Amino acid sequence: MTDNSLRDRIQGNWKQLSGSVVREWGKLTHNDVEQIKGDVEVLAGKIQQRYGVTEAEASKQIKNWVDMFHAKQTEQSNSDTSTNQA
C-alpha cells in the first residue's frame, strides 16, 4: 500500500504527527491514535473504516497530510534559522 519512505516519515515523526491526526480526521478518536502508534497501515485502515473511502484514497490523504506537515516543519526551521542569523 505505502512506500517505505512514507512509512519511515510517519514512524519517525509520530509524536509530532499524532497530535494533528484528530484535527485532520475528526472522526478518529484519541483511542484510534493510540492504536495506530505510527503504523501507516493501521492509520489507513482507520480512515477507510471511519470515512468509507478506498485504500487508495486513504493513502492519498495520508501522503498529502505528511507532505503538508513536513512543509510546515521546513518553513518553521527556515524561519528559525533566518531569525537566528539576524
PDB file of N, CA and C in Angstrom:
ATOM      1  N   MET A   1       0.814  -1.201   0.000  1.00  0.00           N
ATOM      2  CA  MET A   1       0.000   0.000   0.000  1.00  0.00           C
ATOM      3  C   MET A   1       0.853   1.259   0.000  1.00  0.00           C
ATOM      4  N   THR A   2       1.803   1.362   0.926  1.00  0.00           N
ATOM      5  CA  THR A   2       2.574   2.589   1.044  1.00  0.00           C
ATOM      6  C   THR A   2       4.032   2.327   0.728  1.00  0.00           C
ATOM      7  N   ASP A   3       4.705   3.379   0.305  1.00  0.00           N
ATOM      8  CA  ASP A   3       6.136   3.215   0.071  1.00  0.00           C
ATOM      9  C   ASP A   3       6.873   3.340   1.401  1.00  0.00           C
ATOM     10  N   ASN A   4       8.080   2.820   1.424  1.00  0.00           N
ATOM     11  CA  ASN A   4       8.854   2.793   2.668  1.00  0.00           C
ATOM     12  C   ASN A   4       9.167   4.180   3.190  1.00  0.00           C
ATOM     13  N   SER A   5       9.421   5.141   2.293  1.00  0.00           N
ATOM     14  CA  SER A   5       9.781   6.472   2.775  1.00  0.00           C
ATOM     15  C   SER A   5       8.618   7.126   3.515  1.00  0.00           C
ATOM     16  N   LEU A   6       7.397   6.925   3.036  1.00  0.00           N
ATOM     17  CA  LEU A   6       6.232   7.481   3.725  1.00  0.00           C
ATOM     18  C   LEU A   6       6.085   6.830   5.094  1.00  0.00           C
ATOM     19  N   ARG A   7       6.207   5.522   5.131  1.00  0.00           N
ATOM     20  CA  ARG A   7       6.112   4.800   6.400  1.00  0.00           C
ATOM     21  C   ARG A   7       7.184   5.292   7.378  1.00  0.00           C
ATOM     22  N   ASP A   8       8.405   5.444   6.885  1.00  0.00           N
ATOM     23  CA  ASP A   8       9.505   5.910   7.731  1.00  0.00           C
ATOM     24  C   ASP A   8       9.257   7.324   8.238  1.00  0.00           C
ATOM     25  N   ARG A   9       8.727   8.189   7.371  1.00  0.00           N
ATOM     26  CA  ARG A   9       8.461   9.571   7.770  1.00  0.00           C
ATOM     27  C   ARG A   9       7.405   9.627   8.865  1.00  0.00           C
ATOM     28  N   ILE A  10       6.398   8.782   8.761  1.00  0.00           N
ATOM     29  CA  ILE A  10       5.342   8.780   9.769  1.00  0.00           C
ATOM     30  C   ILE A  10       5.855   8.195  11.075  1.00  0.00           C
ATOM     31  N   GLN A  11       6.520   7.060  11.001  1.00  0.00           N
ATOM     32  CA  GLN A  11       7.026   6.440  12.225  1.00  0.00           C
ATOM     33  C   GLN A  11       8.058   7.327  12.910  1.00  0.00           C
ATOM     34  N   GLY A  12       8.919   7.960  12.126  1.00  0.00           N
ATOM     35  CA  GLY A  12       9.971   8.792  12.690  1.00  0.00           C
ATOM     36  C   GLY A  12       9.477  10.071  13.332  1.00  0.00           C
ATOM     37  N   ASN A  13       8.293  10.518  12.941  1.00  0.00           N
ATOM     38  CA  ASN A  13       7.745  11.776  13.459  1.00  0.00           C
ATOM     39  C   ASN A  13       6.416  11.575  14.174  1.00  0.00           C
ATOM     40  N   TRP A  14       6.135  10.351  14.595  1.00  0.00           N
ATOM     41  CA  TRP A  14       4.799  10.053  15.108  1.00  0.00           C
ATOM     42  C   TRP A  14       4.405  10.926  16.293  1.00  0.00           C
ATOM     43  N   LYS A  15       5.334  11.219  17.194  1.00  0.00           N
ATOM     44  CA  LYS A  15       4.962  12.035  18.354  1.00  0.00           C
ATOM     45  C   LYS A  15       4.419  13.387  17.910  1.00  0.00           C
ATOM     46  N   GLN A  16       5.082  14.011  16.922  1.00  0.00           N
ATOM     47  CA  GLN A  16       4.619  15.305  16.425  1.00  0.00           C
ATOM     48  C   GLN A  16       3.343  15.149  15.591  1.00  0.00           C
ATOM     49  N   LEU A  17       3.312  14.122  14.756  1.00  0.00           N
ATOM     50  CA  LEU A  17       2.183  13.922  13.859  1.00  0.00           C
ATOM     51  C   LEU A  17       0.910  13.508  14.587  1.00  0.00           C
ATOM     52  N   SER A  18       1.056  12.715  15.633  1.00  0.00           N
ATOM     53  CA  SER A  18      -0.128  12.163  16.297  1.00  0.00           C
ATOM     54  C   SER A  18      -1.058  13.256  16.809  1.00  0.00           C
ATOM     55  N   GLY A  19      -0.510  14.379  17.206  1.00  0.00           N
ATOM     56  CA  GLY A  19      -1.344  15.468  17.688  1.00  0.00           C
ATOM     57  C   GLY A  19      -2.254  16.045  16.624  1.00  0.00           C
ATOM     58  N   SER A  20      -1.851  15.937  15.382  1.00  0.00           N
ATOM     59  CA  SER A  20      -2.665  16.521  14.315  1.00  0.00           C
ATOM     60  C   SER A  20      -3.578  15.506  13.633  1.00  0.00           C
ATOM     61  N   VAL A  21      -3.498  14.236  14.016  1.00  0.00           N
ATOM     62  CA  VAL A  21      -4.344  13.213  13.389  1.00  0.00           C
ATOM     63  C   VAL A  21      -5.817  13.517  13.611  1.00  0.00           C
ATOM     64  N   VAL A  22      -6.187  13.811  14.845  1.00  0.00           N
ATOM     65  CA  VAL A  22      -7.593  14.060  15.158  1.00  0.00           C
ATOM     66  C   VAL A  22      -8.064  15.365  14.519  1.00  0.00           C
ATOM     67  N   ARG A  23      -7.159  16.340  14.404  1.00  0.00           N
ATOM     68  CA  ARG A  23      -7.535  17.589  13.715  1.00  0.00           C
ATOM     69  C   ARG A  23      -7.763  17.327  12.226  1.00  0.00           C
ATOM     70  N   GLU A  24      -6.942  16.480  11.633  1.00  0.00           N
ATOM     71  CA  GLU A  24      -7.062  16.188  10.197  1.00  0.00           C
ATOM     72  C   GLU A  24      -8.257  15.293   9.902  1.00  0.00           C
ATOM     73  N   TRP A  25      -8.426  14.261  10.716  1.00  0.00           N
ATOM     74  CA  TRP A  25      -9.527  13.307  10.533  1.00  0.00           C
ATOM     75  C   TRP A  25     -10.340  13.287  11.813  1.00  0.00           C
ATOM     76  N   GLY A  26     -11.309  14.194  11.905  1.00  0.00           N
ATOM     77  CA  GLY A  26     -12.088  14.395  13.114  1.00  0.00           C
ATOM     78  C   GLY A  26     -12.885  13.192  13.585  1.00  0.00           C
ATOM     79  N   LYS A  27     -13.137  12.249  12.695  1.00  0.00           N
ATOM     80  CA  LYS A  27     -13.889  11.057  13.097  1.00  0.00           C
ATOM     81  C   LYS A  27     -13.008  10.045  13.826  1.00  0.00           C
ATOM     82  N   LEU A  28     -11.693  10.231  13.777  1.00  0.00           N
ATOM     83  CA  LEU A  28     -10.802   9.338  14.512  1.00  0.00           C
ATOM     84  C   LEU A  28     -10.753   9.797  15.965  1.00  0.00           C
ATOM     85  N   THR A  29     -10.721   8.835  16.857  1.00  0.00           N
ATOM     86  CA  THR A  29     -10.703   9.144  18.289  1.00  0.00           C
ATOM     87  C   THR A  29      -9.265   9.115  18.806  1.00  0.00           C
ATOM     88  N   HIS A  30      -9.098   9.622  20.005  1.00  0.00           N
ATOM     89  CA  HIS A  30      -7.780   9.552  20.639  1.00  0.00           C
ATOM     90  C   HIS A  30      -7.388   8.094  20.866  1.00  0.00           C
ATOM     91  N   ASN A  31      -8.377   7.254  21.110  1.00  0.00           N
ATOM     92  CA  ASN A  31      -8.125   5.829  21.250  1.00  0.00           C
ATOM     93  C   ASN A  31      -7.585   5.252  19.930  1.00  0.00           C
ATOM     94  N   ASP A  32      -8.156   5.685  18.804  1.00  0.00           N
ATOM     95  CA  ASP A  32      -7.651   5.257  17.494  1.00  0.00           C
ATOM     96  C   ASP A  32      -6.189   5.642  17.353  1.00  0.00           C
ATOM     97  N   VAL A  33      -5.865   6.875  17.720  1.00  0.00           N
ATOM     98  CA  VAL A  33      -4.494   7.373  17.597  1.00  0.00           C
ATOM     99  C   VAL A  33      -3.550   6.506  18.428  1.00  0.00           C
ATOM    100  N   GLU A  34      -3.984   6.136  19.613  1.00  0.00           N
ATOM    101  CA  GLU A  34      -3.156   5.274  20.461  1.00  0.00           C
ATOM    102  C   GLU A  34      -2.923   3.922  19.798  1.00  0.00           C
ATOM    103  N   GLN A  35      -3.942   3.398  19.134  1.00  0.00           N
ATOM    104  CA  GLN A  35      -3.822   2.102  18.467  1.00  0.00           C
ATOM    105  C   GLN A  35      -2.923   2.182  17.233  1.00  0.00           C
ATOM    106  N   ILE A  36      -2.908   3.324  16.573  1.00  0.00           N
ATOM    107  CA  ILE A  36      -2.130   3.479  15.334  1.00  0.00           C
ATOM    108  C   ILE A  36      -0.634   3.400  15.614  1.00  0.00           C
ATOM    109  N   LYS A  37      -0.173   4.093  16.645  1.00  0.00           N
ATOM    110  CA  LYS A  37       1.237   4.057  17.060  1.00  0.00           C
ATOM    111  C   LYS A  37       2.220   4.246  15.903  1.00  0.00           C
ATOM    112  N   GLY A  38       1.885   5.112  14.970  1.00  0.00           N
ATOM    113  CA  GLY A  38       2.797   5.403  13.870  1.00  0.00           C
ATOM    114  C   GLY A  38       2.741   4.412  12.717  1.00  0.00           C
ATOM    115  N   ASP A  39       1.848   3.439  12.788  1.00  0.00           N
ATOM    116  CA  ASP A  39       1.729   2.428  11.730  1.00  0.00           C
ATOM    117  C   ASP A  39       0.799   2.945  10.637  1.00  0.00           C
ATOM    118  N   VAL A  40       1.375   3.252   9.499  1.00  0.00           N
ATOM    119  CA  VAL A  40       0.617   3.864   8.410  1.00  0.00           C
ATOM    120  C   VAL A  40      -0.489   2.933   7.897  1.00  0.00           C
ATOM    121  N   GLU A  41      -0.269   1.639   7.957  1.00  0.00           N
ATOM    122  CA  GLU A  41      -1.289   0.684   7.523  1.00  0.00           C
ATOM    123  C   GLU A  41      -2.512   0.754   8.443  1.00  0.00           C
ATOM    124  N   VAL A  42      -2.266   0.860   9.735  1.00  0.00           N
ATOM    125  CA  VAL A  42      -3.369   0.962  10.700  1.00  0.00           C
ATOM    126  C   VAL A  42      -4.088   2.294  10.513  1.00  0.00           C
ATOM    127  N   LEU A  43      -3.334   3.364  10.317  1.00  0.00           N
ATOM    128  CA  LEU A  43      -3.938   4.678  10.073  1.00  0.00           C
ATOM    129  C   LEU A  43      -4.837   4.627   8.844  1.00  0.00           C
ATOM    130  N   ALA A  44      -4.343   4.063   7.774  1.00  0.00           N
ATOM    131  CA  ALA A  44      -5.147   3.956   6.548  1.00  0.00           C
ATOM    132  C   ALA A  44      -6.417   3.144   6.799  1.00  0.00           C
ATOM    133  N   GLY A  45      -6.280   2.061   7.539  1.00  0.00           N
ATOM    134  CA  GLY A  45      -7.446   1.237   7.856  1.00  0.00           C
ATOM    135  C   GLY A  45      -8.484   1.993   8.660  1.00  0.00           C
ATOM    136  N   LYS A  46      -8.029   2.790   9.618  1.00  0.00           N
ATOM    137  CA  LYS A  46      -8.955   3.581  10.438  1.00  0.00           C
ATOM    138  C   LYS A  46      -9.668   4.630   9.586  1.00  0.00           C
ATOM    139  N   ILE A  47      -8.931   5.260   8.674  1.00  0.00           N
ATOM    140  CA  ILE A  47      -9.552   6.257   7.787  1.00  0.00           C
ATOM    141  C   ILE A  47     -10.585   5.586   6.894  1.00  0.00           C
ATOM    142  N   GLN A  48     -10.226   4.432   6.335  1.00  0.00           N
ATOM    143  CA  GLN A  48     -11.178   3.689   5.497  1.00  0.00           C
ATOM    144  C   GLN A  48     -12.442   3.353   6.285  1.00  0.00           C
ATOM    145  N   GLN A  49     -12.259   2.858   7.490  1.00  0.00           N
ATOM    146  CA  GLN A  49     -13.371   2.429   8.331  1.00  0.00           C
ATOM    147  C   GLN A  49     -14.277   3.597   8.700  1.00  0.00           C
ATOM    148  N   ARG A  50     -13.697   4.703   9.149  1.00  0.00           N
ATOM    149  CA  ARG A  50     -14.495   5.834   9.640  1.00  0.00           C
ATOM    150  C   ARG A  50     -15.128   6.656   8.508  1.00  0.00           C
ATOM    151  N   TYR A  51     -14.422   6.736   7.381  1.00  0.00           N
ATOM    152  CA  TYR A  51     -14.885   7.615   6.303  1.00  0.00           C
ATOM    153  C   TYR A  51     -15.432   6.880   5.096  1.00  0.00           C
ATOM    154  N   GLY A  52     -15.291   5.562   5.060  1.00  0.00           N
ATOM    155  CA  GLY A  52     -15.822   4.788   3.946  1.00  0.00           C
ATOM    156  C   GLY A  52     -15.131   5.066   2.626  1.00  0.00           C
ATOM    157  N   VAL A  53     -13.824   5.345   2.681  1.00  0.00           N
ATOM    158  CA  VAL A  53     -13.063   5.606   1.463  1.00  0.00           C
ATOM    159  C   VAL A  53     -12.249   4.365   1.093  1.00  0.00           C
ATOM    160  N   THR A  54     -11.743   4.361  -0.127  1.00  0.00           N
ATOM    161  CA  THR A  54     -10.919   3.249  -0.586  1.00  0.00           C
ATOM    162  C   THR A  54      -9.536   3.321   0.040  1.00  0.00           C
ATOM    163  N   GLU A  55      -8.814   2.232  -0.065  1.00  0.00           N
ATOM    164  CA  GLU A  55      -7.438   2.197   0.433  1.00  0.00           C
ATOM    165  C   GLU A  55      -6.591   3.235  -0.297  1.00  0.00           C
ATOM    166  N   ALA A  56      -6.806   3.348  -1.615  1.00  0.00           N
ATOM    167  CA  ALA A  56      -6.041   4.313  -2.410  1.00  0.00           C
ATOM    168  C   ALA A  56      -6.322   5.745  -1.947  1.00  0.00           C
ATOM    169  N   GLU A  57      -7.580   6.054  -1.666  1.00  0.00           N
ATOM    170  CA  GLU A  57      -7.935   7.403  -1.201  1.00  0.00           C
ATOM    171  C   GLU A  57      -7.355   7.672   0.180  1.00  0.00           C
ATOM    172  N   ALA A  58      -7.409   6.698   1.057  1.00  0.00           N
ATOM    173  CA  ALA A  58      -6.829   6.853   2.396  1.00  0.00           C
ATOM    174  C   ALA A  58      -5.327   7.109   2.279  1.00  0.00           C
ATOM    175  N   SER A  59      -4.661   6.359   1.427  1.00  0.00           N
ATOM    176  CA  SER A  59      -3.212   6.530   1.228  1.00  0.00           C
ATOM    177  C   SER A  59      -2.895   7.917   0.694  1.00  0.00           C
ATOM    178  N   LYS A  60      -3.710   8.382  -0.244  1.00  0.00           N
ATOM    179  CA  LYS A  60      -3.510   9.719  -0.826  1.00  0.00           C
ATOM    180  C   LYS A  60      -3.667  10.795   0.252  1.00  0.00           C
ATOM    181  N   GLN A  61      -4.689  10.652   1.084  1.00  0.00           N
ATOM    182  CA  GLN A  61      -4.907  11.623   2.157  1.00  0.00           C
ATOM    183  C   GLN A  61      -3.728  11.633   3.130  1.00  0.00           C
ATOM    184  N   ILE A  62      -3.227  10.458   3.468  1.00  0.00           N
ATOM    185  CA  ILE A  62      -2.100  10.359   4.399  1.00  0.00           C
ATOM    186  C   ILE A  62      -0.864  11.012   3.799  1.00  0.00           C
ATOM    187  N   LYS A  63      -0.578  10.720   2.536  1.00  0.00           N
ATOM    188  CA  LYS A  63       0.596  11.294   1.881  1.00  0.00           C
ATOM    189  C   LYS A  63       0.499  12.817   1.866  1.00  0.00           C
ATOM    190  N   ASN A  64      -0.651  13.340   1.484  1.00  0.00           N
ATOM    191  CA  ASN A  64      -0.841  14.799   1.451  1.00  0.00           C
ATOM    192  C   ASN A  64      -0.674  15.410   2.840  1.00  0.00           C
ATOM    193  N   TRP A  65      -1.197  14.744   3.846  1.00  0.00           N
ATOM    194  CA  TRP A  65      -1.096  15.219   5.231  1.00  0.00           C
ATOM    195  C   TRP A  65       0.362  15.254   5.692  1.00  0.00           C
ATOM    196  N   VAL A  66       1.106  14.184   5.407  1.00  0.00           N
ATOM    197  CA  VAL A  66       2.517  14.130   5.807  1.00  0.00           C
ATOM    198  C   VAL A  66       3.326  15.179   5.046  1.00  0.00           C
ATOM    199  N   ASP A  67       3.047  15.331   3.754  1.00  0.00           N
ATOM    200  CA  ASP A  67       3.754  16.345   2.965  1.00  0.00           C
ATOM    201  C   ASP A  67       3.512  17.745   3.525  1.00  0.00           C
ATOM    202  N   MET A  68       2.259  18.029   3.905  1.00  0.00           N
ATOM    203  CA  MET A  68       1.940  19.333   4.484  1.00  0.00           C
ATOM    204  C   MET A  68       2.662  19.534   5.814  1.00  0.00           C
ATOM    205  N   PHE A  69       2.691  18.500   6.631  1.00  0.00           N
ATOM    206  CA  PHE A  69       3.380  18.566   7.921  1.00  0.00           C
ATOM    207  C   PHE A  69       4.852  18.884   7.710  1.00  0.00           C
ATOM    208  N   HIS A  70       5.491  18.180   6.785  1.00  0.00           N
ATOM    209  CA  HIS A  70       6.921  18.390   6.555  1.00  0.00           C
ATOM    210  C   HIS A  70       7.193  19.765   5.945  1.00  0.00           C
ATOM    211  N   ALA A  71       6.298  20.240   5.097  1.00  0.00           N
ATOM    212  CA  ALA A  71       6.463  21.580   4.527  1.00  0.00           C
ATOM    213  C   ALA A  71       6.407  22.628   5.639  1.00  0.00           C
ATOM    214  N   LYS A  72       5.482  22.454   6.579  1.00  0.00           N
ATOM    215  CA  LYS A  72       5.376  23.387   7.702  1.00  0.00           C
ATOM    216  C   LYS A  72       6.616  23.314   8.584  1.00  0.00           C
ATOM    217  N   GLN A  73       7.129  22.096   8.804  1.00  0.00           N
ATOM    218  CA  GLN A  73       8.328  21.923   9.611  1.00  0.00           C
ATOM    219  C   GLN A  73       9.520  22.615   8.945  1.00  0.00           C
ATOM    220  N   THR A  74       9.654  22.450   7.648  1.00  0.00           N
ATOM    221  CA  THR A  74      10.749  23.060   6.902  1.00  0.00           C
ATOM    222  C   THR A  74      10.625  24.578   6.936  1.00  0.00           C
ATOM    223  N   GLU A  75       9.409  25.073   6.740  1.00  0.00           N
ATOM    224  CA  GLU A  75       9.155  26.512   6.785  1.00  0.00           C
ATOM    225  C   GLU A  75       9.510  27.067   8.162  1.00  0.00           C
ATOM    226  N   GLN A  76       9.102  26.356   9.213  1.00  0.00           N
ATOM    227  CA  GLN A  76       9.410  26.780  10.580  1.00  0.00           C
ATOM    228  C   GLN A  76      10.914  26.767  10.810  1.00  0.00           C
ATOM    229  N   SER A  77      11.570  25.726  10.344  1.00  0.00           N
ATOM    230  CA  SER A  77      13.021  25.600  10.509  1.00  0.00           C
ATOM    231  C   SER A  77      13.736  26.736   9.791  1.00  0.00           C
ATOM    232  N   ASN A  78      13.319  27.039   8.573  1.00  0.00           N
ATOM    233  CA  ASN A  78      13.905  28.135   7.812  1.00  0.00           C
ATOM    234  C   ASN A  78      13.671  29.470   8.504  1.00  0.00           C
ATOM    235  N   SER A  79      12.511  29.642   9.065  1.00  0.00           N
ATOM    236  CA  SER A  79      12.181  30.869   9.781  1.00  0.00           C
ATOM    237  C   SER A  79      13.054  31.005  11.022  1.00  0.00           C
ATOM    238  N   ASP A  80      13.246  29.914  11.742  1.00  0.00           N
ATOM    239  CA  ASP A  80      14.115  29.929  12.927  1.00  0.00           C
ATOM    240  C   ASP A  80      15.546  30.246  12.555  1.00  0.00           C
ATOM    241  N   THR A  81      16.015  29.682  11.459  1.00  0.00           N
ATOM    242  CA  THR A  81      17.384  29.894  11.002  1.00  0.00           C
ATOM    243  C   THR A  81      17.601  31.358  10.632  1.00  0.00           C
ATOM    244  N   SER A  82      16.658  31.935   9.884  1.00  0.00           N
ATOM    245  CA  SER A  82      16.831  33.333   9.467  1.00  0.00           C
ATOM    246  C   SER A  82      16.725  34.265  10.669  1.00  0.00           C
ATOM    247  N   THR A  83      15.908  33.923  11.660  1.00  0.00           N
ATOM    248  CA  THR A  83      15.806  34.730  12.873  1.00  0.00           C
ATOM    249  C   THR A  83      17.104  34.688  13.648  1.00  0.00           C
ATOM    250  N   ASN A  84      17.712  33.512  13.721  1.00  0.00           N
ATOM    251  CA  ASN A  84      18.962  33.361  14.444  1.00  0.00           C
ATOM    252  C   ASN A  84      20.125  34.075  13.769  1.00  0.00           C
ATOM    253  N   GLN A  85      20.046  34.235  12.465  1.00  0.00           N
ATOM    254  CA  GLN A  85      21.129  34.885  11.729  1.00  0.00           C
ATOM    255  C   GLN A  85      21.015  36.402  11.760  1.00  0.00           C
ATOM    256  N   ALA A  86      19.853  36.889  12.117  1.00  0.00           N
ATOM    257  CA  ALA A  86      19.641  38.352  12.096  1.00  0.00           C
ATOM    258  C   ALA A  86      20.317  39.046  13.244  1.00  0.00           C
TER     259      ALA A  86
END
